[in-house]
Amino acid sequence: MQPSDLVRLRHMLEASREAAAFACGNDRDSLKGDRVLMLAAVRCIEIIGEAASKISPELRLEYPQIRWADIVGMRNRLIHAYFDIDTDLVCDTLIDDLPRLIRDLEAIVPAEGGNGT
C-alpha cells in the first residue's frame, strides 16, 4: 500500500468515526433539527469524500467493497450544491452507510503504532 493511501484511509476512518459519533443517540428528526450537528456531519462527509478521491486506482481495485465513486460523488454534491443539501440523504449516510464504511476501513487500516505505520 502506498504511504499516501494509508494516510488518506486514516483520514477517512477518523472522519467516519467522528460523523458516526454525531449520529449516536440521535434520531433523524433530532439530527435534521440541529443545524450545528448537521453542518458538522456534512463537513466530516466532505472530508471522507475528499480523501477517497485521492486514493490510488490500484487500492480502489483492491477494495471494491468500498463504494469509492459514491463517496466521492456525495462529497462533490455537498461541496457544489451547498445550499441544496438533502438532509435525509445525509441522515441515511450517517445512520446506514457509515457503520459499514467504518468496518471496511478498520479491516484495511493497520492499528496506530502497529506494522505498516
PDB file of N, CA and C in Angstrom:
ATOM      1  N   MET A   1       0.851  -1.183   0.000  1.00  0.00           N
ATOM      2  CA  MET A   1       0.000   0.000   0.000  1.00  0.00           C
ATOM      3  C   MET A   1       0.894   1.243   0.000  1.00  0.00           C
ATOM      4  N   GLN A   2       0.545   2.182  -0.848  1.00  0.00           N
ATOM      5  CA  GLN A   2       1.294   3.429  -0.905  1.00  0.00           C
ATOM      6  C   GLN A   2       1.105   4.204   0.411  1.00  0.00           C
ATOM      7  N   PRO A   3       2.166   4.834   0.883  1.00  0.00           N
ATOM      8  CA  PRO A   3       2.033   5.619   2.129  1.00  0.00           C
ATOM      9  C   PRO A   3       0.941   6.684   2.045  1.00  0.00           C
ATOM     10  N   SER A   4       0.793   7.327   0.892  1.00  0.00           N
ATOM     11  CA  SER A   4      -0.244   8.362   0.771  1.00  0.00           C
ATOM     12  C   SER A   4      -1.642   7.754   0.870  1.00  0.00           C
ATOM     13  N   ASP A   5      -1.810   6.530   0.374  1.00  0.00           N
ATOM     14  CA  ASP A   5      -3.111   5.859   0.518  1.00  0.00           C
ATOM     15  C   ASP A   5      -3.417   5.582   1.982  1.00  0.00           C
ATOM     16  N   LEU A   6      -2.412   5.148   2.705  1.00  0.00           N
ATOM     17  CA  LEU A   6      -2.620   4.855   4.127  1.00  0.00           C
ATOM     18  C   LEU A   6      -3.022   6.114   4.895  1.00  0.00           C
ATOM     19  N   VAL A   7      -2.365   7.221   4.613  1.00  0.00           N
ATOM     20  CA  VAL A   7      -2.721   8.485   5.266  1.00  0.00           C
ATOM     21  C   VAL A   7      -4.167   8.842   4.955  1.00  0.00           C
ATOM     22  N   ARG A   8      -4.560   8.730   3.709  1.00  0.00           N
ATOM     23  CA  ARG A   8      -5.926   9.104   3.327  1.00  0.00           C
ATOM     24  C   ARG A   8      -6.958   8.136   3.889  1.00  0.00           C
ATOM     25  N   LEU A   9      -6.622   6.857   3.943  1.00  0.00           N
ATOM     26  CA  LEU A   9      -7.535   5.897   4.572  1.00  0.00           C
ATOM     27  C   LEU A   9      -7.727   6.234   6.046  1.00  0.00           C
ATOM     28  N   ARG A  10      -6.663   6.644   6.698  1.00  0.00           N
ATOM     29  CA  ARG A  10      -6.783   7.037   8.112  1.00  0.00           C
ATOM     30  C   ARG A  10      -7.631   8.293   8.259  1.00  0.00           C
ATOM     31  N   HIS A  11      -7.484   9.236   7.340  1.00  0.00           N
ATOM     32  CA  HIS A  11      -8.348  10.428   7.370  1.00  0.00           C
ATOM     33  C   HIS A  11      -9.804  10.024   7.199  1.00  0.00           C
ATOM     34  N   MET A  12     -10.067   9.114   6.256  1.00  0.00           N
ATOM     35  CA  MET A  12     -11.435   8.639   6.043  1.00  0.00           C
ATOM     36  C   MET A  12     -11.986   7.980   7.299  1.00  0.00           C
ATOM     37  N   LEU A  13     -11.184   7.145   7.924  1.00  0.00           N
ATOM     38  CA  LEU A  13     -11.637   6.427   9.115  1.00  0.00           C
ATOM     39  C   LEU A  13     -11.908   7.397  10.267  1.00  0.00           C
ATOM     40  N   GLU A  14     -11.011   8.335  10.479  1.00  0.00           N
ATOM     41  CA  GLU A  14     -11.198   9.308  11.561  1.00  0.00           C
ATOM     42  C   GLU A  14     -12.460  10.148  11.342  1.00  0.00           C
ATOM     43  N   ALA A  15     -12.643  10.655  10.135  1.00  0.00           N
ATOM     44  CA  ALA A  15     -13.826  11.476   9.847  1.00  0.00           C
ATOM     45  C   ALA A  15     -15.099  10.636   9.910  1.00  0.00           C
ATOM     46  N   SER A  16     -15.027   9.381   9.506  1.00  0.00           N
ATOM     47  CA  SER A  16     -16.192   8.492   9.590  1.00  0.00           C
ATOM     48  C   SER A  16     -16.594   8.250  11.030  1.00  0.00           C
ATOM     49  N   ARG A  17     -15.607   8.005  11.863  1.00  0.00           N
ATOM     50  CA  ARG A  17     -15.889   7.800  13.292  1.00  0.00           C
ATOM     51  C   ARG A  17     -16.489   9.049  13.926  1.00  0.00           C
ATOM     52  N   GLU A  18     -15.945  10.211  13.573  1.00  0.00           N
ATOM     53  CA  GLU A  18     -16.485  11.465  14.122  1.00  0.00           C
ATOM     54  C   GLU A  18     -17.936  11.665  13.686  1.00  0.00           C
ATOM     55  N   ALA A  19     -18.209  11.462  12.410  1.00  0.00           N
ATOM     56  CA  ALA A  19     -19.570  11.645  11.908  1.00  0.00           C
ATOM     57  C   ALA A  19     -20.531  10.642  12.542  1.00  0.00           C
ATOM     58  N   ALA A  20     -20.092   9.403  12.687  1.00  0.00           N
ATOM     59  CA  ALA A  20     -20.943   8.388  13.311  1.00  0.00           C
ATOM     60  C   ALA A  20     -21.231   8.749  14.766  1.00  0.00           C
ATOM     61  N   ALA A  21     -20.267   9.354  15.435  1.00  0.00           N
ATOM     62  CA  ALA A  21     -20.481   9.779  16.823  1.00  0.00           C
ATOM     63  C   ALA A  21     -21.564  10.847  16.901  1.00  0.00           C
ATOM     64  N   PHE A  22     -21.659  11.698  15.879  1.00  0.00           N
ATOM     65  CA  PHE A  22     -22.721  12.705  15.861  1.00  0.00           C
ATOM     66  C   PHE A  22     -24.096  12.050  15.816  1.00  0.00           C
ATOM     67  N   ALA A  23     -24.187  10.955  15.084  1.00  0.00           N
ATOM     68  CA  ALA A  23     -25.480  10.281  14.925  1.00  0.00           C
ATOM     69  C   ALA A  23     -25.852   9.464  16.161  1.00  0.00           C
ATOM     70  N   CYS A  24     -24.860   9.056  16.921  1.00  0.00           N
ATOM     71  CA  CYS A  24     -25.096   8.195  18.075  1.00  0.00           C
ATOM     72  C   CYS A  24     -26.046   8.873  19.064  1.00  0.00           C
ATOM     73  N   GLY A  25     -27.126   8.184  19.370  1.00  0.00           N
ATOM     74  CA  GLY A  25     -28.097   8.709  20.319  1.00  0.00           C
ATOM     75  C   GLY A  25     -29.072   9.709  19.731  1.00  0.00           C
ATOM     76  N   ASN A  26     -28.964   9.973  18.445  1.00  0.00           N
ATOM     77  CA  ASN A  26     -29.861  10.921  17.783  1.00  0.00           C
ATOM     78  C   ASN A  26     -30.692  10.194  16.729  1.00  0.00           C
ATOM     79  N   ASP A  27     -31.962  10.533  16.677  1.00  0.00           N
ATOM     80  CA  ASP A  27     -32.783  10.013  15.590  1.00  0.00           C
ATOM     81  C   ASP A  27     -32.744  11.013  14.431  1.00  0.00           C
ATOM     82  N   ARG A  28     -33.381  10.667  13.337  1.00  0.00           N
ATOM     83  CA  ARG A  28     -33.346  11.525  12.150  1.00  0.00           C
ATOM     84  C   ARG A  28     -33.870  12.931  12.434  1.00  0.00           C
ATOM     85  N   ASP A  29     -34.954  13.014  13.180  1.00  0.00           N
ATOM     86  CA  ASP A  29     -35.536  14.330  13.453  1.00  0.00           C
ATOM     87  C   ASP A  29     -34.590  15.206  14.266  1.00  0.00           C
ATOM     88  N   SER A  30     -33.930  14.611  15.270  1.00  0.00           N
ATOM     89  CA  SER A  30     -33.017  15.421  16.066  1.00  0.00           C
ATOM     90  C   SER A  30     -31.779  15.802  15.253  1.00  0.00           C
ATOM     91  N   LEU A  31     -31.312  14.924  14.390  1.00  0.00           N
ATOM     92  CA  LEU A  31     -30.188  15.273  13.521  1.00  0.00           C
ATOM     93  C   LEU A  31     -30.554  16.417  12.582  1.00  0.00           C
ATOM     94  N   LYS A  32     -31.719  16.279  11.958  1.00  0.00           N
ATOM     95  CA  LYS A  32     -32.145  17.291  10.995  1.00  0.00           C
ATOM     96  C   LYS A  32     -32.495  18.612  11.672  1.00  0.00           C
ATOM     97  N   GLY A  33     -32.895  18.555  12.935  1.00  0.00           N
ATOM     98  CA  GLY A  33     -33.298  19.758  13.651  1.00  0.00           C
ATOM     99  C   GLY A  33     -32.151  20.515  14.292  1.00  0.00           C
ATOM    100  N   ASP A  34     -30.972  19.935  14.305  1.00  0.00           N
ATOM    101  CA  ASP A  34     -29.811  20.575  14.933  1.00  0.00           C
ATOM    102  C   ASP A  34     -28.863  21.025  13.831  1.00  0.00           C
ATOM    103  N   ARG A  35     -28.934  22.290  13.485  1.00  0.00           N
ATOM    104  CA  ARG A  35     -28.148  22.824  12.365  1.00  0.00           C
ATOM    105  C   ARG A  35     -26.645  22.662  12.573  1.00  0.00           C
ATOM    106  N   VAL A  36     -26.172  22.895  13.786  1.00  0.00           N
ATOM    107  CA  VAL A  36     -24.741  22.761  14.054  1.00  0.00           C
ATOM    108  C   VAL A  36     -24.299  21.308  13.877  1.00  0.00           C
ATOM    109  N   LEU A  37     -25.088  20.389  14.396  1.00  0.00           N
ATOM    110  CA  LEU A  37     -24.784  18.969  14.255  1.00  0.00           C
ATOM    111  C   LEU A  37     -24.788  18.559  12.782  1.00  0.00           C
ATOM    112  N   MET A  38     -25.759  19.034  12.036  1.00  0.00           N
ATOM    113  CA  MET A  38     -25.844  18.702  10.611  1.00  0.00           C
ATOM    114  C   MET A  38     -24.656  19.275   9.852  1.00  0.00           C
ATOM    115  N   LEU A  39     -24.280  20.508  10.143  1.00  0.00           N
ATOM    116  CA  LEU A  39     -23.125  21.107   9.467  1.00  0.00           C
ATOM    117  C   LEU A  39     -21.837  20.349   9.797  1.00  0.00           C
ATOM    118  N   ALA A  40     -21.691  19.924  11.033  1.00  0.00           N
ATOM    119  CA  ALA A  40     -20.507  19.156  11.419  1.00  0.00           C
ATOM    120  C   ALA A  40     -20.474  17.809  10.694  1.00  0.00           C
ATOM    121  N   ALA A  41     -21.614  17.161  10.605  1.00  0.00           N
ATOM    122  CA  ALA A  41     -21.689  15.877   9.906  1.00  0.00           C
ATOM    123  C   ALA A  41     -21.380  16.047   8.424  1.00  0.00           C
ATOM    124  N   VAL A  42     -21.929  17.084   7.821  1.00  0.00           N
ATOM    125  CA  VAL A  42     -21.665  17.351   6.404  1.00  0.00           C
ATOM    126  C   VAL A  42     -20.176  17.564   6.187  1.00  0.00           C
ATOM    127  N   ARG A  43     -19.537  18.317   7.059  1.00  0.00           N
ATOM    128  CA  ARG A  43     -18.103  18.566   6.919  1.00  0.00           C
ATOM    129  C   ARG A  43     -17.316  17.267   6.992  1.00  0.00           C
ATOM    130  N   CYS A  44     -17.666  16.388   7.908  1.00  0.00           N
ATOM    131  CA  CYS A  44     -16.983  15.094   8.005  1.00  0.00           C
ATOM    132  C   CYS A  44     -17.171  14.278   6.727  1.00  0.00           C
ATOM    133  N   ILE A  45     -18.375  14.287   6.187  1.00  0.00           N
ATOM    134  CA  ILE A  45     -18.642  13.542   4.952  1.00  0.00           C
ATOM    135  C   ILE A  45     -17.847  14.143   3.792  1.00  0.00           C
ATOM    136  N   GLU A  46     -17.710  15.459   3.783  1.00  0.00           N
ATOM    137  CA  GLU A  46     -16.878  16.102   2.755  1.00  0.00           C
ATOM    138  C   GLU A  46     -15.422  15.640   2.871  1.00  0.00           C
ATOM    139  N   ILE A  47     -14.908  15.549   4.085  1.00  0.00           N
ATOM    140  CA  ILE A  47     -13.533  15.095   4.311  1.00  0.00           C
ATOM    141  C   ILE A  47     -13.372  13.656   3.836  1.00  0.00           C
ATOM    142  N   ILE A  48     -14.326  12.813   4.167  1.00  0.00           N
ATOM    143  CA  ILE A  48     -14.283  11.413   3.739  1.00  0.00           C
ATOM    144  C   ILE A  48     -14.192  11.344   2.207  1.00  0.00           C
ATOM    145  N   GLY A  49     -15.044  12.112   1.543  1.00  0.00           N
ATOM    146  CA  GLY A  49     -15.061  12.098   0.085  1.00  0.00           C
ATOM    147  C   GLY A  49     -13.808  12.676  -0.533  1.00  0.00           C
ATOM    148  N   GLU A  50     -13.274  13.734   0.062  1.00  0.00           N
ATOM    149  CA  GLU A  50     -12.035  14.332  -0.460  1.00  0.00           C
ATOM    150  C   GLU A  50     -10.886  13.339  -0.343  1.00  0.00           C
ATOM    151  N   ALA A  51     -10.769  12.697   0.811  1.00  0.00           N
ATOM    152  CA  ALA A  51      -9.714  11.698   0.986  1.00  0.00           C
ATOM    153  C   ALA A  51      -9.906  10.531   0.019  1.00  0.00           C
ATOM    154  N   ALA A  52     -11.141  10.091  -0.141  1.00  0.00           N
ATOM    155  CA  ALA A  52     -11.424   8.975  -1.055  1.00  0.00           C
ATOM    156  C   ALA A  52     -11.057   9.330  -2.493  1.00  0.00           C
ATOM    157  N   SER A  53     -11.226  10.582  -2.857  1.00  0.00           N
ATOM    158  CA  SER A  53     -10.924  10.992  -4.232  1.00  0.00           C
ATOM    159  C   SER A  53      -9.435  10.915  -4.535  1.00  0.00           C
ATOM    160  N   LYS A  54      -8.604  10.880  -3.508  1.00  0.00           N
ATOM    161  CA  LYS A  54      -7.150  10.852  -3.680  1.00  0.00           C
ATOM    162  C   LYS A  54      -6.565   9.440  -3.549  1.00  0.00           C
ATOM    163  N   ILE A  55      -7.404   8.450  -3.289  1.00  0.00           N
ATOM    164  CA  ILE A  55      -6.943   7.067  -3.178  1.00  0.00           C
ATOM    165  C   ILE A  55      -6.519   6.575  -4.561  1.00  0.00           C
ATOM    166  N   SER A  56      -5.421   5.841  -4.604  1.00  0.00           N
ATOM    167  CA  SER A  56      -4.894   5.356  -5.879  1.00  0.00           C
ATOM    168  C   SER A  56      -5.877   4.384  -6.539  1.00  0.00           C
ATOM    169  N   PRO A  57      -5.866   4.365  -7.875  1.00  0.00           N
ATOM    170  CA  PRO A  57      -6.727   3.417  -8.589  1.00  0.00           C
ATOM    171  C   PRO A  57      -6.439   1.964  -8.202  1.00  0.00           C
ATOM    172  N   GLU A  58      -5.187   1.660  -7.918  1.00  0.00           N
ATOM    173  CA  GLU A  58      -4.826   0.292  -7.540  1.00  0.00           C
ATOM    174  C   GLU A  58      -5.505  -0.117  -6.241  1.00  0.00           C
ATOM    175  N   LEU A  59      -5.507   0.776  -5.267  1.00  0.00           N
ATOM    176  CA  LEU A  59      -6.139   0.450  -3.988  1.00  0.00           C
ATOM    177  C   LEU A  59      -7.654   0.351  -4.146  1.00  0.00           C
ATOM    178  N   ARG A  60      -8.231   1.217  -4.954  1.00  0.00           N
ATOM    179  CA  ARG A  60      -9.671   1.138  -5.200  1.00  0.00           C
ATOM    180  C   ARG A  60     -10.044  -0.217  -5.786  1.00  0.00           C
ATOM    181  N   LEU A  61      -9.227  -0.704  -6.706  1.00  0.00           N
ATOM    182  CA  LEU A  61      -9.490  -2.014  -7.308  1.00  0.00           C
ATOM    183  C   LEU A  61      -9.318  -3.141  -6.297  1.00  0.00           C
ATOM    184  N   GLU A  62      -8.380  -2.963  -5.376  1.00  0.00           N
ATOM    185  CA  GLU A  62      -8.124  -3.979  -4.361  1.00  0.00           C
ATOM    186  C   GLU A  62      -9.263  -4.105  -3.350  1.00  0.00           C
ATOM    187  N   TYR A  63     -10.008  -3.017  -3.153  1.00  0.00           N
ATOM    188  CA  TYR A  63     -11.092  -3.000  -2.171  1.00  0.00           C
ATOM    189  C   TYR A  63     -12.397  -2.526  -2.823  1.00  0.00           C
ATOM    190  N   PRO A  64     -12.957  -3.344  -3.700  1.00  0.00           N
ATOM    191  CA  PRO A  64     -14.172  -2.931  -4.415  1.00  0.00           C
ATOM    192  C   PRO A  64     -15.412  -2.869  -3.524  1.00  0.00           C
ATOM    193  N   GLN A  65     -15.344  -3.440  -2.318  1.00  0.00           N
ATOM    194  CA  GLN A  65     -16.496  -3.387  -1.420  1.00  0.00           C
ATOM    195  C   GLN A  65     -16.762  -1.963  -0.935  1.00  0.00           C
ATOM    196  N   ILE A  66     -15.757  -1.102  -1.024  1.00  0.00           N
ATOM    197  CA  ILE A  66     -15.945   0.300  -0.659  1.00  0.00           C
ATOM    198  C   ILE A  66     -16.471   1.024  -1.885  1.00  0.00           C
ATOM    199  N   ARG A  67     -17.541   1.736  -1.715  1.00  0.00           N
ATOM    200  CA  ARG A  67     -18.212   2.408  -2.834  1.00  0.00           C
ATOM    201  C   ARG A  67     -17.540   3.754  -3.101  1.00  0.00           C
ATOM    202  N   TRP A  68     -16.332   3.693  -3.659  1.00  0.00           N
ATOM    203  CA  TRP A  68     -15.492   4.866  -3.873  1.00  0.00           C
ATOM    204  C   TRP A  68     -16.208   5.958  -4.653  1.00  0.00           C
ATOM    205  N   ALA A  69     -16.795   5.584  -5.778  1.00  0.00           N
ATOM    206  CA  ALA A  69     -17.444   6.585  -6.635  1.00  0.00           C
ATOM    207  C   ALA A  69     -18.615   7.253  -5.916  1.00  0.00           C
ATOM    208  N   ASP A  70     -19.373   6.498  -5.160  1.00  0.00           N
ATOM    209  CA  ASP A  70     -20.497   7.068  -4.410  1.00  0.00           C
ATOM    210  C   ASP A  70     -20.006   8.029  -3.334  1.00  0.00           C
ATOM    211  N   ILE A  71     -18.917   7.663  -2.669  1.00  0.00           N
ATOM    212  CA  ILE A  71     -18.360   8.507  -1.613  1.00  0.00           C
ATOM    213  C   ILE A  71     -17.877   9.832  -2.198  1.00  0.00           C
ATOM    214  N   VAL A  72     -17.148   9.746  -3.295  1.00  0.00           N
ATOM    215  CA  VAL A  72     -16.639  10.961  -3.943  1.00  0.00           C
ATOM    216  C   VAL A  72     -17.798  11.776  -4.514  1.00  0.00           C
ATOM    217  N   GLY A  73     -18.778  11.099  -5.085  1.00  0.00           N
ATOM    218  CA  GLY A  73     -19.945  11.794  -5.638  1.00  0.00           C
ATOM    219  C   GLY A  73     -20.720  12.549  -4.569  1.00  0.00           C
ATOM    220  N   MET A  74     -20.844  11.953  -3.394  1.00  0.00           N
ATOM    221  CA  MET A  74     -21.549  12.643  -2.317  1.00  0.00           C
ATOM    222  C   MET A  74     -20.771  13.885  -1.892  1.00  0.00           C
ATOM    223  N   ARG A  75     -19.467  13.763  -1.792  1.00  0.00           N
ATOM    224  CA  ARG A  75     -18.633  14.922  -1.450  1.00  0.00           C
ATOM    225  C   ARG A  75     -18.842  16.036  -2.463  1.00  0.00           C
ATOM    226  N   ASN A  76     -18.821  15.685  -3.728  1.00  0.00           N
ATOM    227  CA  ASN A  76     -18.992  16.692  -4.778  1.00  0.00           C
ATOM    228  C   ASN A  76     -20.355  17.365  -4.680  1.00  0.00           C
ATOM    229  N   ARG A  77     -21.368  16.587  -4.410  1.00  0.00           N
ATOM    230  CA  ARG A  77     -22.718  17.140  -4.272  1.00  0.00           C
ATOM    231  C   ARG A  77     -22.790  18.103  -3.082  1.00  0.00           C
ATOM    232  N   LEU A  78     -22.208  17.711  -1.966  1.00  0.00           N
ATOM    233  CA  LEU A  78     -22.243  18.565  -0.771  1.00  0.00           C
ATOM    234  C   LEU A  78     -21.460  19.857  -0.977  1.00  0.00           C
ATOM    235  N   ILE A  79     -20.327  19.762  -1.627  1.00  0.00           N
ATOM    236  CA  ILE A  79     -19.490  20.942  -1.857  1.00  0.00           C
ATOM    237  C   ILE A  79     -20.131  21.899  -2.849  1.00  0.00           C
ATOM    238  N   HIS A  80     -20.641  21.361  -3.952  1.00  0.00           N
ATOM    239  CA  HIS A  80     -21.098  22.218  -5.045  1.00  0.00           C
ATOM    240  C   HIS A  80     -22.567  22.631  -4.942  1.00  0.00           C
ATOM    241  N   ALA A  81     -23.350  21.896  -4.183  1.00  0.00           N
ATOM    242  CA  ALA A  81     -24.759  22.252  -4.005  1.00  0.00           C
ATOM    243  C   ALA A  81     -25.019  22.557  -2.535  1.00  0.00           C
ATOM    244  N   TYR A  82     -24.135  23.328  -1.968  1.00  0.00           N
ATOM    245  CA  TYR A  82     -24.112  23.547  -0.517  1.00  0.00           C
ATOM    246  C   TYR A  82     -25.382  24.162   0.043  1.00  0.00           C
ATOM    247  N   PHE A  83     -26.191  24.852  -0.788  1.00  0.00           N
ATOM    248  CA  PHE A  83     -27.446  25.401  -0.284  1.00  0.00           C
ATOM    249  C   PHE A  83     -28.639  24.532  -0.635  1.00  0.00           C
ATOM    250  N   ASP A  84     -28.377  23.388  -1.215  1.00  0.00           N
ATOM    251  CA  ASP A  84     -29.442  22.473  -1.607  1.00  0.00           C
ATOM    252  C   ASP A  84     -29.105  21.064  -1.121  1.00  0.00           C
ATOM    253  N   ILE A  85     -28.708  20.951   0.143  1.00  0.00           N
ATOM    254  CA  ILE A  85     -28.315  19.666   0.708  1.00  0.00           C
ATOM    255  C   ILE A  85     -29.555  18.901   1.153  1.00  0.00           C
ATOM    256  N   ASP A  86     -29.615  17.650   0.749  1.00  0.00           N
ATOM    257  CA  ASP A  86     -30.705  16.758   1.126  1.00  0.00           C
ATOM    258  C   ASP A  86     -30.386  16.180   2.507  1.00  0.00           C
ATOM    259  N   THR A  87     -31.005  16.730   3.545  1.00  0.00           N
ATOM    260  CA  THR A  87     -30.688  16.288   4.903  1.00  0.00           C
ATOM    261  C   THR A  87     -31.113  14.838   5.143  1.00  0.00           C
ATOM    262  N   ASP A  88     -32.124  14.369   4.418  1.00  0.00           N
ATOM    263  CA  ASP A  88     -32.496  12.952   4.537  1.00  0.00           C
ATOM    264  C   ASP A  88     -31.366  12.059   4.046  1.00  0.00           C
ATOM    265  N   LEU A  89     -30.730  12.454   2.948  1.00  0.00           N
ATOM    266  CA  LEU A  89     -29.597  11.687   2.422  1.00  0.00           C
ATOM    267  C   LEU A  89     -28.416  11.721   3.385  1.00  0.00           C
ATOM    268  N   VAL A  90     -28.171  12.861   4.000  1.00  0.00           N
ATOM    269  CA  VAL A  90     -27.101  12.959   4.995  1.00  0.00           C
ATOM    270  C   VAL A  90     -27.403  12.029   6.170  1.00  0.00           C
ATOM    271  N   CYS A  91     -28.639  12.020   6.623  1.00  0.00           N
ATOM    272  CA  CYS A  91     -29.026  11.126   7.724  1.00  0.00           C
ATOM    273  C   CYS A  91     -28.871   9.664   7.320  1.00  0.00           C
ATOM    274  N   ASP A  92     -29.285   9.323   6.104  1.00  0.00           N
ATOM    275  CA  ASP A  92     -29.099   7.947   5.611  1.00  0.00           C
ATOM    276  C   ASP A  92     -27.623   7.565   5.649  1.00  0.00           C
ATOM    277  N   THR A  93     -26.787   8.480   5.219  1.00  0.00           N
ATOM    278  CA  THR A  93     -25.349   8.225   5.216  1.00  0.00           C
ATOM    279  C   THR A  93     -24.841   7.995   6.631  1.00  0.00           C
ATOM    280  N   LEU A  94     -25.220   8.871   7.545  1.00  0.00           N
ATOM    281  CA  LEU A  94     -24.765   8.760   8.936  1.00  0.00           C
ATOM    282  C   LEU A  94     -25.223   7.459   9.584  1.00  0.00           C
ATOM    283  N   ILE A  95     -26.478   7.131   9.388  1.00  0.00           N
ATOM    284  CA  ILE A  95     -27.084   6.013  10.111  1.00  0.00           C
ATOM    285  C   ILE A  95     -26.869   4.676   9.400  1.00  0.00           C
ATOM    286  N   ASP A  96     -26.989   4.676   8.078  1.00  0.00           N
ATOM    287  CA  ASP A  96     -26.966   3.415   7.338  1.00  0.00           C
ATOM    288  C   ASP A  96     -25.607   3.075   6.728  1.00  0.00           C
ATOM    289  N   ASP A  97     -24.911   4.070   6.195  1.00  0.00           N
ATOM    290  CA  ASP A  97     -23.708   3.795   5.409  1.00  0.00           C
ATOM    291  C   ASP A  97     -22.407   3.850   6.205  1.00  0.00           C
ATOM    292  N   LEU A  98     -22.291   4.781   7.127  1.00  0.00           N
ATOM    293  CA  LEU A  98     -21.018   4.948   7.833  1.00  0.00           C
ATOM    294  C   LEU A  98     -20.615   3.754   8.693  1.00  0.00           C
ATOM    295  N   PRO A  99     -21.537   3.085   9.380  1.00  0.00           N
ATOM    296  CA  PRO A  99     -21.085   1.917  10.155  1.00  0.00           C
ATOM    297  C   PRO A  99     -20.399   0.862   9.279  1.00  0.00           C
ATOM    298  N   ARG A 100     -20.938   0.614   8.095  1.00  0.00           N
ATOM    299  CA  ARG A 100     -20.327  -0.352   7.174  1.00  0.00           C
ATOM    300  C   ARG A 100     -18.968   0.160   6.682  1.00  0.00           C
ATOM    301  N   LEU A 101     -18.896   1.450   6.338  1.00  0.00           N
ATOM    302  CA  LEU A 101     -17.635   2.017   5.881  1.00  0.00           C
ATOM    303  C   LEU A 101     -16.577   1.927   6.974  1.00  0.00           C
ATOM    304  N   ILE A 102     -16.951   2.218   8.193  1.00  0.00           N
ATOM    305  CA  ILE A 102     -16.007   2.123   9.307  1.00  0.00           C
ATOM    306  C   ILE A 102     -15.481   0.702   9.441  1.00  0.00           C
ATOM    307  N   ARG A 103     -16.365  -0.278   9.386  1.00  0.00           N
ATOM    308  CA  ARG A 103     -15.924  -1.689   9.467  1.00  0.00           C
ATOM    309  C   ARG A 103     -14.961  -2.022   8.336  1.00  0.00           C
ATOM    310  N   ASP A 104     -15.299  -1.603   7.113  1.00  0.00           N
ATOM    311  CA  ASP A 104     -14.432  -1.882   5.966  1.00  0.00           C
ATOM    312  C   ASP A 104     -13.070  -1.219   6.120  1.00  0.00           C
ATOM    313  N   LEU A 105     -13.063   0.025   6.559  1.00  0.00           N
ATOM    314  CA  LEU A 105     -11.795   0.741   6.730  1.00  0.00           C
ATOM    315  C   LEU A 105     -10.967   0.142   7.865  1.00  0.00           C
ATOM    316  N   GLU A 106     -11.612  -0.238   8.954  1.00  0.00           N
ATOM    317  CA  GLU A 106     -10.882  -0.848  10.071  1.00  0.00           C
ATOM    318  C   GLU A 106     -10.214  -2.158   9.663  1.00  0.00           C
ATOM    319  N   ALA A 107     -10.817  -2.860   8.710  1.00  0.00           N
ATOM    320  CA  ALA A 107     -10.233  -4.111   8.214  1.00  0.00           C
ATOM    321  C   ALA A 107      -9.011  -3.854   7.322  1.00  0.00           C
ATOM    322  N   ILE A 108      -8.904  -2.658   6.768  1.00  0.00           N
ATOM    323  CA  ILE A 108      -7.811  -2.318   5.858  1.00  0.00           C
ATOM    324  C   ILE A 108      -6.684  -1.604   6.578  1.00  0.00           C
ATOM    325  N   VAL A 109      -7.039  -0.658   7.434  1.00  0.00           N
ATOM    326  CA  VAL A 109      -6.054   0.227   8.061  1.00  0.00           C
ATOM    327  C   VAL A 109      -5.440  -0.435   9.279  1.00  0.00           C
ATOM    328  N   PRO A 110      -4.105  -0.561   9.289  1.00  0.00           N
ATOM    329  CA  PRO A 110      -3.485  -1.130  10.479  1.00  0.00           C
ATOM    330  C   PRO A 110      -3.674  -0.205  11.684  1.00  0.00           C
ATOM    331  N   ALA A 111      -3.738  -0.804  12.852  1.00  0.00           N
ATOM    332  CA  ALA A 111      -3.886  -0.011  14.079  1.00  0.00           C
ATOM    333  C   ALA A 111      -2.688   0.914  14.228  1.00  0.00           C
ATOM    334  N   GLU A 112      -2.927   2.104  14.777  1.00  0.00           N
ATOM    335  CA  GLU A 112      -1.840   3.056  15.033  1.00  0.00           C
ATOM    336  C   GLU A 112      -0.758   2.365  15.854  1.00  0.00           C
ATOM    337  N   GLY A 113       0.475   2.567  15.441  1.00  0.00           N
ATOM    338  CA  GLY A 113       1.593   2.001  16.167  1.00  0.00           C
ATOM    339  C   GLY A 113       1.895   0.569  15.773  1.00  0.00           C
ATOM    340  N   GLY A 114       1.011  -0.040  14.955  1.00  0.00           N
ATOM    341  CA  GLY A 114       1.245  -1.397  14.502  1.00  0.00           C
ATOM    342  C   GLY A 114       2.116  -1.414  13.269  1.00  0.00           C
ATOM    343  N   ASN A 115       2.293  -2.570  12.692  1.00  0.00           N
ATOM    344  CA  ASN A 115       3.092  -2.688  11.474  1.00  0.00           C
ATOM    345  C   ASN A 115       2.437  -1.883  10.359  1.00  0.00           C
ATOM    346  N   GLY A 116       3.239  -1.308   9.527  1.00  0.00           N
ATOM    347  CA  GLY A 116       2.732  -0.553   8.396  1.00  0.00           C
ATOM    348  C   GLY A 116       2.510   0.916   8.675  1.00  0.00           C
ATOM    349  N   THR A 117       2.871   1.368   9.883  1.00  0.00           N
ATOM    350  CA  THR A 117       2.689   2.788  10.183  1.00  0.00           C
ATOM    351  C   THR A 117       3.976   3.548  10.024  1.00  0.00           C
TER     352      THR A 117
END
